[in-house]
Each structure stands twice: as structure tokens, then as C-alpha cells.
């Protein structure tokens, strides 16, 4: 079994920020899909629906230097906190946080299950 508290402490600050950015993007995407009745029924039937969780690669994250993003993605994938999937030539690579990644964020105090998804500004 993984020691999530140790994992949370050993993550670089940039890694936690990247994980949090993907979590925010997932929540935003899920809230947009839940706006339709069909998506709400689908979400009620399957809470862990993979189609609602995959997010396009985030190329810029405030507070994370551009040259740190690729290594951070690699570390998070290697540690099992982030999954990736190839979507094809046009869509490229998509990502989602694993349950272990969510637990590490929770242990680090950066993730609140009762928090409302963040709104994106125009």
C-alpha cells in the first residue's frame, strides 16, 4: 500500500500545482457536461465515467515555469498520479488524475471534496 502522506510531501511544488490544474479542468468540464439533462443522467449512472475525465494537455499553468511542465508531467505519470492517452492525430494527448493522484492532493491539503468547481473567466 502507498504511503500517501509521504507521497504528498515528496512531490515538487510544481507537481502539486499541475495536479491541481488538471483537477480544476476536470471539474470545469464535468460541470459543463452536467448542464445537459442527458449528461446528468449519465453521470448519475456512472460516477467514474472515463469520457468526462480526460482533459487536453495544459500547456501553461500560472506559477509553473514552462520548462518545468514536461518533467512534471513525466514525474506524475511515473508515480501513477496522472494517466495519459493518445486521442489521435488532431486531439493529441489527453490526461486525467488517478485516484492515487486525488488522494495525494487530499493529503497535501490542496483538494477539498466539497469545493465547487472554479469558474473560468472570459
Protein backbone atom coordinates (compact mmCIF):
# COMPACT_ATOMS: atom_id res chain seq x y z
CA UNK A 1 0.00 0.00 0.00
CA UNK A 2 1.21 3.50 -0.78
CA UNK A 3 2.03 5.96 1.94
CA UNK A 4 0.06 8.91 0.58
CA UNK A 5 1.29 11.36 3.19
CA UNK A 6 4.89 10.63 2.20
CA UNK A 7 3.98 10.89 -1.48
CA UNK A 8 2.34 14.26 -0.85
CA UNK A 9 5.44 15.55 0.88
CA UNK A 10 7.85 14.31 -1.80
CA UNK A 11 6.00 15.96 -4.68
CA UNK A 12 7.61 19.09 -6.01
CA UNK A 13 5.54 22.25 -5.64
CA UNK A 14 5.19 22.40 -9.43
CA UNK A 15 3.82 18.84 -9.46
CA UNK A 16 1.09 19.73 -6.97
CA UNK A 17 0.19 22.81 -8.99
CA UNK A 18 -0.02 20.72 -12.19
CA UNK A 19 -2.22 18.10 -10.49
CA UNK A 20 -4.47 20.83 -9.13
CA UNK A 21 -4.74 22.40 -12.60
CA UNK A 22 -5.91 19.09 -14.08
CA UNK A 23 -8.38 18.61 -11.24
CA UNK A 24 -9.81 22.08 -11.84
CA UNK A 25 -10.04 21.41 -15.58
CA UNK A 26 -11.81 18.08 -14.94
CA UNK A 27 -14.29 19.73 -12.59
CA UNK A 28 -14.95 22.51 -15.08
CA UNK A 29 -15.51 20.01 -17.88
CA UNK A 30 -17.78 17.89 -15.69
CA UNK A 31 -19.88 20.89 -14.68
CA UNK A 32 -20.31 21.92 -18.32
CA UNK A 33 -21.45 18.41 -19.25
CA UNK A 34 -23.79 18.23 -16.26
CA UNK A 35 -25.65 21.24 -17.65
CA UNK A 36 -27.48 18.94 -20.04
CA UNK A 37 -30.10 16.50 -18.79
CA UNK A 38 -28.54 13.62 -20.71
CA UNK A 39 -25.14 14.19 -19.18
CA UNK A 40 -26.67 14.46 -15.70
CA UNK A 41 -28.40 11.10 -16.14
CA UNK A 42 -25.16 9.61 -17.47
CA UNK A 43 -23.20 10.98 -14.53
CA UNK A 44 -25.72 9.56 -12.07
CA UNK A 45 -25.46 6.14 -13.71
CA UNK A 46 -21.65 6.10 -13.88
CA UNK A 47 -19.79 8.35 -11.47
CA UNK A 48 -16.35 7.33 -12.80
CA UNK A 49 -17.17 7.82 -16.49
CA UNK A 50 -13.84 7.98 -18.31
CA UNK A 51 -15.23 10.14 -21.11
CA UNK A 52 -15.89 13.03 -18.74
CA UNK A 53 -12.48 12.92 -17.10
CA UNK A 54 -9.94 13.18 -19.94
CA UNK A 55 -8.55 16.68 -20.41
CA UNK A 56 -6.33 18.07 -23.18
CA UNK A 57 -2.76 18.79 -22.13
CA UNK A 58 -2.50 22.03 -20.19
CA UNK A 59 0.33 23.98 -21.80
CA UNK A 60 0.51 26.95 -19.45
CA UNK A 61 -0.03 26.99 -15.71
CA UNK A 62 0.41 30.10 -13.63
CA UNK A 63 3.27 29.68 -11.18
CA UNK A 64 4.95 26.84 -13.10
CA UNK A 65 7.84 27.73 -15.41
CA UNK A 66 7.33 26.49 -18.97
CA UNK A 67 10.50 24.38 -18.85
CA UNK A 68 9.18 22.54 -15.76
CA UNK A 69 5.88 21.37 -17.29
CA UNK A 70 7.19 18.40 -19.29
CA UNK A 71 9.32 17.00 -16.43
CA UNK A 72 6.40 17.48 -14.03
CA UNK A 73 4.04 15.58 -16.35
CA UNK A 74 6.61 12.80 -16.59
CA UNK A 75 7.06 12.52 -12.82
CA UNK A 76 3.31 12.50 -12.22
CA UNK A 77 2.81 9.76 -14.83
CA UNK A 78 5.72 7.71 -13.43
CA UNK A 79 4.33 7.99 -9.90
CA UNK A 80 0.87 6.91 -11.08
CA UNK A 81 -0.81 10.21 -10.20
CA UNK A 82 -1.63 11.15 -13.80
CA UNK A 83 -2.71 8.96 -16.72
CA UNK A 84 -2.37 9.81 -20.37
CA UNK A 85 -3.99 8.55 -23.53
CA UNK A 86 -3.39 9.25 -27.22
CA UNK A 87 -6.57 10.61 -28.79
CA UNK A 88 -5.37 10.74 -32.36
CA UNK A 89 -3.54 13.00 -34.72
CA UNK A 90 -5.68 16.10 -34.17
CA UNK A 91 -6.55 15.84 -30.47
CA UNK A 92 -3.11 14.70 -29.33
CA UNK A 93 -2.54 13.54 -25.78
CA UNK A 94 -5.19 13.81 -23.06
CA UNK A 95 -4.72 13.39 -19.32
CA UNK A 96 -6.67 12.61 -16.17
CA UNK A 97 -5.87 12.37 -12.49
CA UNK A 98 -5.87 8.89 -11.00
CA UNK A 99 -7.47 8.04 -7.68
CA UNK A 100 -3.97 7.97 -6.19
CA UNK A 101 -3.32 11.47 -7.51
CA UNK A 102 -6.56 12.70 -5.95
CA UNK A 103 -5.61 11.10 -2.64
CA UNK A 104 -2.18 12.75 -2.73
CA UNK A 105 -3.80 16.13 -3.33
CA UNK A 106 -6.18 15.48 -0.44
CA UNK A 107 -3.26 14.52 1.81
CA UNK A 108 -1.44 17.69 0.75
CA UNK A 109 -4.48 19.76 1.70
CA UNK A 110 -4.95 21.11 -1.84
CA UNK A 111 -8.13 19.23 -2.63
CA UNK A 112 -11.48 19.66 -0.94
CA UNK A 113 -14.22 17.28 -1.99
CA UNK A 114 -16.88 19.81 -1.09
CA UNK A 115 -15.38 22.67 -3.08
CA UNK A 116 -17.37 23.97 -6.02
CA UNK A 117 -15.65 23.82 -9.40
CA UNK A 118 -13.85 27.02 -10.30
CA UNK A 119 -15.41 29.25 -12.91
CA UNK A 120 -13.36 30.17 -15.93
CA UNK A 121 -13.16 33.85 -16.72
CA UNK A 122 -13.85 35.06 -20.22
